């Protein structure tokens, strides 16, 4: 494998495959950090959606309990 530097850039080209390779360690580290941060944001959005689903379920349970309570009060009043 032979690598040739591309002009004044921090990139080399593999002459056999034509692949361009980034050799800028700081740019690679920055990219990885940004990717990790975005992954965390996606996970947070999924977690928030799950919480909203649970809130909806809790609201439905509260409504069901209130309905049962009203029925019990009407039965006890007879």
PDB file of N, CA and C in Angstrom:
ATOM      1  N   UNK A   1       0.854  -1.171   0.000  1.00  0.00           N
ATOM      2  CA  UNK A   1       0.000   0.000   0.000  1.00  0.00           C
ATOM      3  C   UNK A   1       0.897   1.231   0.000  1.00  0.00           C
ATOM      4  N   UNK A   2       0.613   2.123  -0.910  1.00  0.00           N
ATOM      5  CA  UNK A   2       1.386   3.353  -1.015  1.00  0.00           C
ATOM      6  C   UNK A   2       0.474   4.537  -0.747  1.00  0.00           C
ATOM      7  N   UNK A   3       0.885   5.384   0.188  1.00  0.00           N
ATOM      8  CA  UNK A   3       0.097   6.561   0.536  1.00  0.00           C
ATOM      9  C   UNK A   3       0.782   7.808   0.014  1.00  0.00           C
ATOM     10  N   UNK A   4      -0.001   8.682  -0.601  1.00  0.00           N
ATOM     11  CA  UNK A   4       0.517   9.928  -1.151  1.00  0.00           C
ATOM     12  C   UNK A   4      -0.256  11.071  -0.512  1.00  0.00           C
ATOM     13  N   UNK A   5       0.461  12.049  -0.013  1.00  0.00           N
ATOM     14  CA  UNK A   5      -0.178  13.199   0.617  1.00  0.00           C
ATOM     15  C   UNK A   5      -0.900  14.031  -0.445  1.00  0.00           C
ATOM     16  N   UNK A   6      -2.100  14.502  -0.121  1.00  0.00           N
ATOM     17  CA  UNK A   6      -2.892  15.311  -1.040  1.00  0.00           C
ATOM     18  C   UNK A   6      -2.597  16.779  -0.761  1.00  0.00           C
ATOM     19  N   UNK A   7      -1.885  17.410  -1.670  1.00  0.00           N
ATOM     20  CA  UNK A   7      -1.495  18.826  -1.609  1.00  0.00           C
ATOM     21  C   UNK A   7      -1.111  19.238  -0.185  1.00  0.00           C
ATOM     22  N   UNK A   8      -1.688  20.336   0.277  1.00  0.00           N
ATOM     23  CA  UNK A   8      -1.350  20.870   1.606  1.00  0.00           C
ATOM     24  C   UNK A   8      -2.392  20.478   2.649  1.00  0.00           C
ATOM     25  N   UNK A   9      -3.080  19.411   2.405  1.00  0.00           N
ATOM     26  CA  UNK A   9      -4.139  18.984   3.308  1.00  0.00           C
ATOM     27  C   UNK A   9      -3.656  17.842   4.199  1.00  0.00           C
ATOM     28  N   UNK A  10      -4.426  17.602   5.250  1.00  0.00           N
ATOM     29  CA  UNK A  10      -4.105  16.494   6.159  1.00  0.00           C
ATOM     30  C   UNK A  10      -4.859  15.253   5.700  1.00  0.00           C
ATOM     31  N   UNK A  11      -4.689  14.946   4.427  1.00  0.00           N
ATOM     32  CA  UNK A  11      -5.331  13.789   3.808  1.00  0.00           C
ATOM     33  C   UNK A  11      -4.280  13.069   2.980  1.00  0.00           C
ATOM     34  N   UNK A  12      -4.353  11.751   2.995  1.00  0.00           N
ATOM     35  CA  UNK A  12      -3.472  10.964   2.135  1.00  0.00           C
ATOM     36  C   UNK A  12      -4.353  10.101   1.235  1.00  0.00           C
ATOM     37  N   UNK A  13      -3.797   9.726   0.092  1.00  0.00           N
ATOM     38  CA  UNK A  13      -4.526   8.888  -0.853  1.00  0.00           C
ATOM     39  C   UNK A  13      -3.808   7.565  -0.997  1.00  0.00           C
ATOM     40  N   UNK A  14      -4.567   6.497  -0.881  1.00  0.00           N
ATOM     41  CA  UNK A  14      -4.037   5.165  -1.106  1.00  0.00           C
ATOM     42  C   UNK A  14      -4.003   4.981  -2.625  1.00  0.00           C
ATOM     43  N   UNK A  15      -2.816   4.853  -3.178  1.00  0.00           N
ATOM     44  CA  UNK A  15      -2.681   4.776  -4.633  1.00  0.00           C
ATOM     45  C   UNK A  15      -3.224   3.469  -5.205  1.00  0.00           C
ATOM     46  N   UNK A  16      -3.319   2.456  -4.396  1.00  0.00           N
ATOM     47  CA  UNK A  16      -3.827   1.173  -4.877  1.00  0.00           C
ATOM     48  C   UNK A  16      -5.350   1.173  -4.977  1.00  0.00           C
ATOM     49  N   UNK A  17      -6.029   1.680  -3.928  1.00  0.00           N
ATOM     50  CA  UNK A  17      -7.495   1.641  -3.893  1.00  0.00           C
ATOM     51  C   UNK A  17      -8.140   2.967  -4.262  1.00  0.00           C
ATOM     52  N   UNK A  18      -7.376   4.044  -4.191  1.00  0.00           N
ATOM     53  CA  UNK A  18      -7.927   5.372  -4.460  1.00  0.00           C
ATOM     54  C   UNK A  18      -8.620   5.972  -3.250  1.00  0.00           C
ATOM     55  N   UNK A  19      -8.596   5.276  -2.123  1.00  0.00           N
ATOM     56  CA  UNK A  19      -9.265   5.757  -0.911  1.00  0.00           C
ATOM     57  C   UNK A  19      -8.533   6.977  -0.358  1.00  0.00           C
ATOM     58  N   UNK A  20      -9.311   7.949   0.095  1.00  0.00           N
ATOM     59  CA  UNK A  20      -8.752   9.112   0.767  1.00  0.00           C
ATOM     60  C   UNK A  20      -8.862   8.895   2.271  1.00  0.00           C
ATOM     61  N   UNK A  21      -7.775   9.125   2.981  1.00  0.00           N
ATOM     62  CA  UNK A  21      -7.737   8.885   4.415  1.00  0.00           C
ATOM     63  C   UNK A  21      -7.395  10.174   5.142  1.00  0.00           C
ATOM     64  N   UNK A  22      -8.185  10.485   6.154  1.00  0.00           N
ATOM     65  CA  UNK A  22      -7.948  11.669   6.963  1.00  0.00           C
ATOM     66  C   UNK A  22      -6.876  11.335   8.002  1.00  0.00           C
ATOM     67  N   UNK A  23      -5.828  12.132   8.053  1.00  0.00           N
ATOM     68  CA  UNK A  23      -4.777  11.899   9.039  1.00  0.00           C
ATOM     69  C   UNK A  23      -4.731  13.013  10.079  1.00  0.00           C
ATOM     70  N   UNK A  24      -5.768  13.866  10.075  1.00  0.00           N
ATOM     71  CA  UNK A  24      -5.857  14.971  11.034  1.00  0.00           C
ATOM     72  C   UNK A  24      -6.488  14.430  12.318  1.00  0.00           C
ATOM     73  N   UNK A  25      -5.667  14.074  13.301  1.00  0.00           N
ATOM     74  CA  UNK A  25      -6.140  13.457  14.544  1.00  0.00           C
ATOM     75  C   UNK A  25      -7.157  14.343  15.262  1.00  0.00           C
ATOM     76  N   UNK A  26      -6.917  15.639  15.306  1.00  0.00           N
ATOM     77  CA  UNK A  26      -7.842  16.546  15.988  1.00  0.00           C
ATOM     78  C   UNK A  26      -9.204  16.561  15.304  1.00  0.00           C
ATOM     79  N   UNK A  27      -9.230  16.578  13.981  1.00  0.00           N
ATOM     80  CA  UNK A  27     -10.494  16.566  13.245  1.00  0.00           C
ATOM     81  C   UNK A  27     -11.238  15.262  13.491  1.00  0.00           C
ATOM     82  N   UNK A  28     -10.520  14.170  13.536  1.00  0.00           N
ATOM     83  CA  UNK A  28     -11.138  12.867  13.792  1.00  0.00           C
ATOM     84  C   UNK A  28     -11.725  12.835  15.206  1.00  0.00           C
ATOM     85  N   UNK A  29     -10.964  13.319  16.181  1.00  0.00           N
ATOM     86  CA  UNK A  29     -11.450  13.349  17.566  1.00  0.00           C
ATOM     87  C   UNK A  29     -12.673  14.256  17.695  1.00  0.00           C
ATOM     88  N   UNK A  30     -12.654  15.411  17.010  1.00  0.00           N
ATOM     89  CA  UNK A  30     -13.798  16.327  17.034  1.00  0.00           C
ATOM     90  C   UNK A  30     -15.032  15.655  16.441  1.00  0.00           C
ATOM     91  N   UNK A  31     -14.848  14.961  15.331  1.00  0.00           N
ATOM     92  CA  UNK A  31     -15.952  14.251  14.687  1.00  0.00           C
ATOM     93  C   UNK A  31     -16.541  13.194  15.622  1.00  0.00           C
ATOM     94  N   UNK A  32     -15.680  12.425  16.257  1.00  0.00           N
ATOM     95  CA  UNK A  32     -16.148  11.375  17.157  1.00  0.00           C
ATOM     96  C   UNK A  32     -16.909  11.964  18.346  1.00  0.00           C
ATOM     97  N   UNK A  33     -16.420  13.089  18.875  1.00  0.00           N
ATOM     98  CA  UNK A  33     -17.095  13.738  20.001  1.00  0.00           C
ATOM     99  C   UNK A  33     -18.473  14.250  19.585  1.00  0.00           C
ATOM    100  N   UNK A  34     -18.538  14.854  18.400  1.00  0.00           N
ATOM    101  CA  UNK A  34     -19.813  15.367  17.903  1.00  0.00           C
ATOM    102  C   UNK A  34     -20.792  14.216  17.663  1.00  0.00           C
ATOM    103  N   UNK A  35     -20.302  13.127  17.107  1.00  0.00           N
ATOM    104  CA  UNK A  35     -21.149  11.964  16.846  1.00  0.00           C
ATOM    105  C   UNK A  35     -21.687  11.389  18.157  1.00  0.00           C
ATOM    106  N   UNK A  36     -20.826  11.312  19.165  1.00  0.00           N
ATOM    107  CA  UNK A  36     -21.244  10.787  20.468  1.00  0.00           C
ATOM    108  C   UNK A  36     -22.299  11.699  21.097  1.00  0.00           C
ATOM    109  N   UNK A  37     -22.110  13.013  20.968  1.00  0.00           N
ATOM    110  CA  UNK A  37     -23.070  13.962  21.531  1.00  0.00           C
ATOM    111  C   UNK A  37     -24.419  13.824  20.833  1.00  0.00           C
ATOM    112  N   UNK A  38     -24.417  13.685  19.510  1.00  0.00           N
ATOM    113  CA  UNK A  38     -25.668  13.525  18.772  1.00  0.00           C
ATOM    114  C   UNK A  38     -26.357  12.220  19.134  1.00  0.00           C
ATOM    115  N   UNK A  39     -25.580  11.194  19.369  1.00  0.00           N
ATOM    116  CA  UNK A  39     -26.150   9.912  19.772  1.00  0.00           C
ATOM    117  C   UNK A  39     -26.859  10.067  21.116  1.00  0.00           C
ATOM    118  N   UNK A  40     -26.246  10.826  22.017  1.00  0.00           N
ATOM    119  CA  UNK A  40     -26.864  11.088  23.319  1.00  0.00           C
ATOM    120  C   UNK A  40     -28.158  11.867  23.185  1.00  0.00           C
ATOM    121  N   UNK A  41     -28.188  12.821  22.255  1.00  0.00           N
ATOM    122  CA  UNK A  41     -29.404  13.606  22.030  1.00  0.00           C
ATOM    123  C   UNK A  41     -30.515  12.712  21.509  1.00  0.00           C
ATOM    124  N   UNK A  42     -30.180  11.813  20.573  1.00  0.00           N
ATOM    125  CA  UNK A  42     -31.189  10.892  20.048  1.00  0.00           C
ATOM    126  C   UNK A  42     -31.744  10.004  21.159  1.00  0.00           C
ATOM    127  N   UNK A  43     -30.861   9.520  22.013  1.00  0.00           N
ATOM    128  CA  UNK A  43     -31.296   8.663  23.116  1.00  0.00           C
ATOM    129  C   UNK A  43     -32.196   9.447  24.066  1.00  0.00           C
ATOM    130  N   UNK A  44     -31.842  10.710  24.335  1.00  0.00           N
ATOM    131  CA  UNK A  44     -32.664  11.546  25.212  1.00  0.00           C
ATOM    132  C   UNK A  44     -34.052  11.750  24.621  1.00  0.00           C
ATOM    133  N   UNK A  45     -34.134  11.963  23.299  1.00  0.00           N
ATOM    134  CA  UNK A  45     -35.436  12.138  22.657  1.00  0.00           C
ATOM    135  C   UNK A  45     -36.267  10.869  22.781  1.00  0.00           C
ATOM    136  N   UNK A  46     -35.634   9.718  22.613  1.00  0.00           N
ATOM    137  CA  UNK A  46     -36.356   8.451  22.771  1.00  0.00           C
ATOM    138  C   UNK A  46     -36.851   8.296  24.202  1.00  0.00           C
ATOM    139  N   UNK A  47     -36.004   8.649  25.161  1.00  0.00           N
ATOM    140  CA  UNK A  47     -36.391   8.556  26.571  1.00  0.00           C
ATOM    141  C   UNK A  47     -37.564   9.480  26.875  1.00  0.00           C
ATOM    142  N   UNK A  48     -37.540  10.679  26.312  1.00  0.00           N
ATOM    143  CA  UNK A  48     -38.630  11.641  26.528  1.00  0.00           C
ATOM    144  C   UNK A  48     -39.925  11.110  25.928  1.00  0.00           C
ATOM    145  N   UNK A  49     -39.837  10.520  24.729  1.00  0.00           N
ATOM    146  CA  UNK A  49     -41.043   9.949  24.120  1.00  0.00           C
ATOM    147  C   UNK A  49     -41.625   8.833  24.975  1.00  0.00           C
ATOM    148  N   UNK A  50     -40.767   8.000  25.529  1.00  0.00           N
ATOM    149  CA  UNK A  50     -41.230   6.920  26.412  1.00  0.00           C
ATOM    150  C   UNK A  50     -41.903   7.508  27.650  1.00  0.00           C
ATOM    151  N   UNK A  51     -41.310   8.559  28.222  1.00  0.00           N
ATOM    152  CA  UNK A  51     -41.911   9.196  29.401  1.00  0.00           C
ATOM    153  C   UNK A  51     -43.280   9.773  29.077  1.00  0.00           C
ATOM    154  N   UNK A  52     -43.428  10.402  27.898  1.00  0.00           N
ATOM    155  CA  UNK A  52     -44.729  10.961  27.528  1.00  0.00           C
ATOM    156  C   UNK A  52     -45.770   9.853  27.362  1.00  0.00           C
ATOM    157  N   UNK A  53     -45.358   8.699  26.830  1.00  0.00           N
ATOM    158  CA  UNK A  53     -46.270   7.564  26.727  1.00  0.00           C
ATOM    159  C   UNK A  53     -46.726   7.128  28.116  1.00  0.00           C
ATOM    160  N   UNK A  54     -45.778   7.081  29.058  1.00  0.00           N
ATOM    161  CA  UNK A  54     -46.105   6.676  30.434  1.00  0.00           C
ATOM    162  C   UNK A  54     -47.025   7.690  31.091  1.00  0.00           C
ATOM    163  N   UNK A  55     -46.820   8.966  30.843  1.00  0.00           N
ATOM    164  CA  UNK A  55     -47.698  10.005  31.389  1.00  0.00           C
ATOM    165  C   UNK A  55     -49.114   9.805  30.863  1.00  0.00           C
ATOM    166  N   UNK A  56     -49.223   9.486  29.567  1.00  0.00           N
ATOM    167  CA  UNK A  56     -50.546   9.216  28.991  1.00  0.00           C
ATOM    168  C   UNK A  56     -51.213   8.026  29.653  1.00  0.00           C
ATOM    169  N   UNK A  57     -50.435   6.974  29.899  1.00  0.00           N
ATOM    170  CA  UNK A  57     -50.987   5.794  30.571  1.00  0.00           C
ATOM    171  C   UNK A  57     -51.434   6.129  31.990  1.00  0.00           C
ATOM    172  N   UNK A  58     -50.655   6.921  32.696  1.00  0.00           N
ATOM    173  CA  UNK A  58     -51.021   7.321  34.062  1.00  0.00           C
ATOM    174  C   UNK A  58     -52.294   8.156  34.051  1.00  0.00           C
ATOM    175  N   UNK A  59     -52.404   9.076  33.100  1.00  0.00           N
ATOM    176  CA  UNK A  59     -53.620   9.886  32.999  1.00  0.00           C
ATOM    177  C   UNK A  59     -54.841   9.005  32.747  1.00  0.00           C
ATOM    178  N   UNK A  60     -54.685   7.980  31.908  1.00  0.00           N
ATOM    179  CA  UNK A  60     -55.801   7.069  31.629  1.00  0.00           C
ATOM    180  C   UNK A  60     -56.170   6.289  32.892  1.00  0.00           C
ATOM    181  N   UNK A  61     -55.179   5.848  33.639  1.00  0.00           N
ATOM    182  CA  UNK A  61     -55.441   5.116  34.893  1.00  0.00           C
ATOM    183  C   UNK A  61     -56.171   6.013  35.893  1.00  0.00           C
ATOM    184  N   UNK A  62     -55.745   7.282  35.992  1.00  0.00           N
ATOM    185  CA  UNK A  62     -56.410   8.218  36.899  1.00  0.00           C
ATOM    186  C   UNK A  62     -57.867   8.424  36.496  1.00  0.00           C
ATOM    187  N   UNK A  63     -58.099   8.510  35.214  1.00  0.00           N
ATOM    188  CA  UNK A  63     -59.467   8.677  34.721  1.00  0.00           C
ATOM    189  C   UNK A  63     -60.306   7.445  35.034  1.00  0.00           C
ATOM    190  N   UNK A  64     -59.729   6.259  34.837  1.00  0.00           N
ATOM    191  CA  UNK A  64     -60.436   5.015  35.136  1.00  0.00           C
ATOM    192  C   UNK A  64     -60.772   4.919  36.619  1.00  0.00           C
ATOM    193  N   UNK A  65     -59.840   5.286  37.477  1.00  0.00           N
ATOM    194  CA  UNK A  65     -60.072   5.236  38.922  1.00  0.00           C
ATOM    195  C   UNK A  65     -61.168   6.207  39.324  1.00  0.00           C
ATOM    196  N   UNK A  66     -61.166   7.402  38.730  1.00  0.00           N
ATOM    197  CA  UNK A  66     -62.220   8.379  39.040  1.00  0.00           C
ATOM    198  C   UNK A  66     -63.581   7.846  38.618  1.00  0.00           C
ATOM    199  N   UNK A  67     -63.629   7.181  37.461  1.00  0.00           N
ATOM    200  CA  UNK A  67     -64.892   6.601  36.994  1.00  0.00           C
ATOM    201  C   UNK A  67     -65.365   5.490  37.933  1.00  0.00           C
ATOM    202  N   UNK A  68     -64.466   4.634  38.371  1.00  0.00           N
ATOM    203  CA  UNK A  68     -64.803   3.559  39.314  1.00  0.00           C
ATOM    204  C   UNK A  68     -65.293   4.154  40.635  1.00  0.00           C
ATOM    205  N   UNK A  69     -64.625   5.197  41.086  1.00  0.00           N
ATOM    206  CA  UNK A  69     -65.024   5.854  42.340  1.00  0.00           C
ATOM    207  C   UNK A  69     -66.444   6.402  42.220  1.00  0.00           C
ATOM    208  N   UNK A  70     -66.743   7.046  41.102  1.00  0.00           N
ATOM    209  CA  UNK A  70     -68.101   7.587  40.904  1.00  0.00           C
ATOM    210  C   UNK A  70     -69.134   6.477  40.879  1.00  0.00           C
ATOM    211  N   UNK A  71     -68.808   5.361  40.246  1.00  0.00           N
ATOM    212  CA  UNK A  71     -69.734   4.234  40.222  1.00  0.00           C
ATOM    213  C   UNK A  71     -69.963   3.676  41.626  1.00  0.00           C
ATOM    214  N   UNK A  72     -68.902   3.549  42.414  1.00  0.00           N
ATOM    215  CA  UNK A  72     -69.020   3.053  43.786  1.00  0.00           C
ATOM    216  C   UNK A  72     -69.872   3.987  44.652  1.00  0.00           C
ATOM    217  N   UNK A  73     -69.676   5.289  44.466  1.00  0.00           N
ATOM    218  CA  UNK A  73     -70.469   6.267  45.225  1.00  0.00           C
ATOM    219  C   UNK A  73     -71.948   6.122  44.860  1.00  0.00           C
ATOM    220  N   UNK A  74     -72.255   5.935  43.582  1.00  0.00           N
ATOM    221  CA  UNK A  74     -73.658   5.779  43.152  1.00  0.00           C
ATOM    222  C   UNK A  74     -74.238   4.477  43.682  1.00  0.00           C
ATOM    223  N   UNK A  75     -73.462   3.398  43.682  1.00  0.00           N
ATOM    224  CA  UNK A  75     -73.937   2.120  44.217  1.00  0.00           C
ATOM    225  C   UNK A  75     -74.193   2.220  45.720  1.00  0.00           C
ATOM    226  N   UNK A  76     -73.301   2.870  46.428  1.00  0.00           N
ATOM    227  CA  UNK A  76     -73.425   3.011  47.900  1.00  0.00           C
ATOM    228  C   UNK A  76     -74.601   3.900  48.269  1.00  0.00           C
ATOM    229  N   UNK A  77     -74.955   4.834  47.394  1.00  0.00           N
ATOM    230  CA  UNK A  77     -76.068   5.758  47.673  1.00  0.00           C
ATOM    231  C   UNK A  77     -77.408   5.079  47.520  1.00  0.00           C
ATOM    232  N   UNK A  78     -77.480   3.956  46.855  1.00  0.00           N
ATOM    233  CA  UNK A  78     -78.788   3.272  46.634  1.00  0.00           C
ATOM    234  C   UNK A  78     -79.244   2.534  47.845  1.00  0.00           C
TER     235      UNK A  78
END
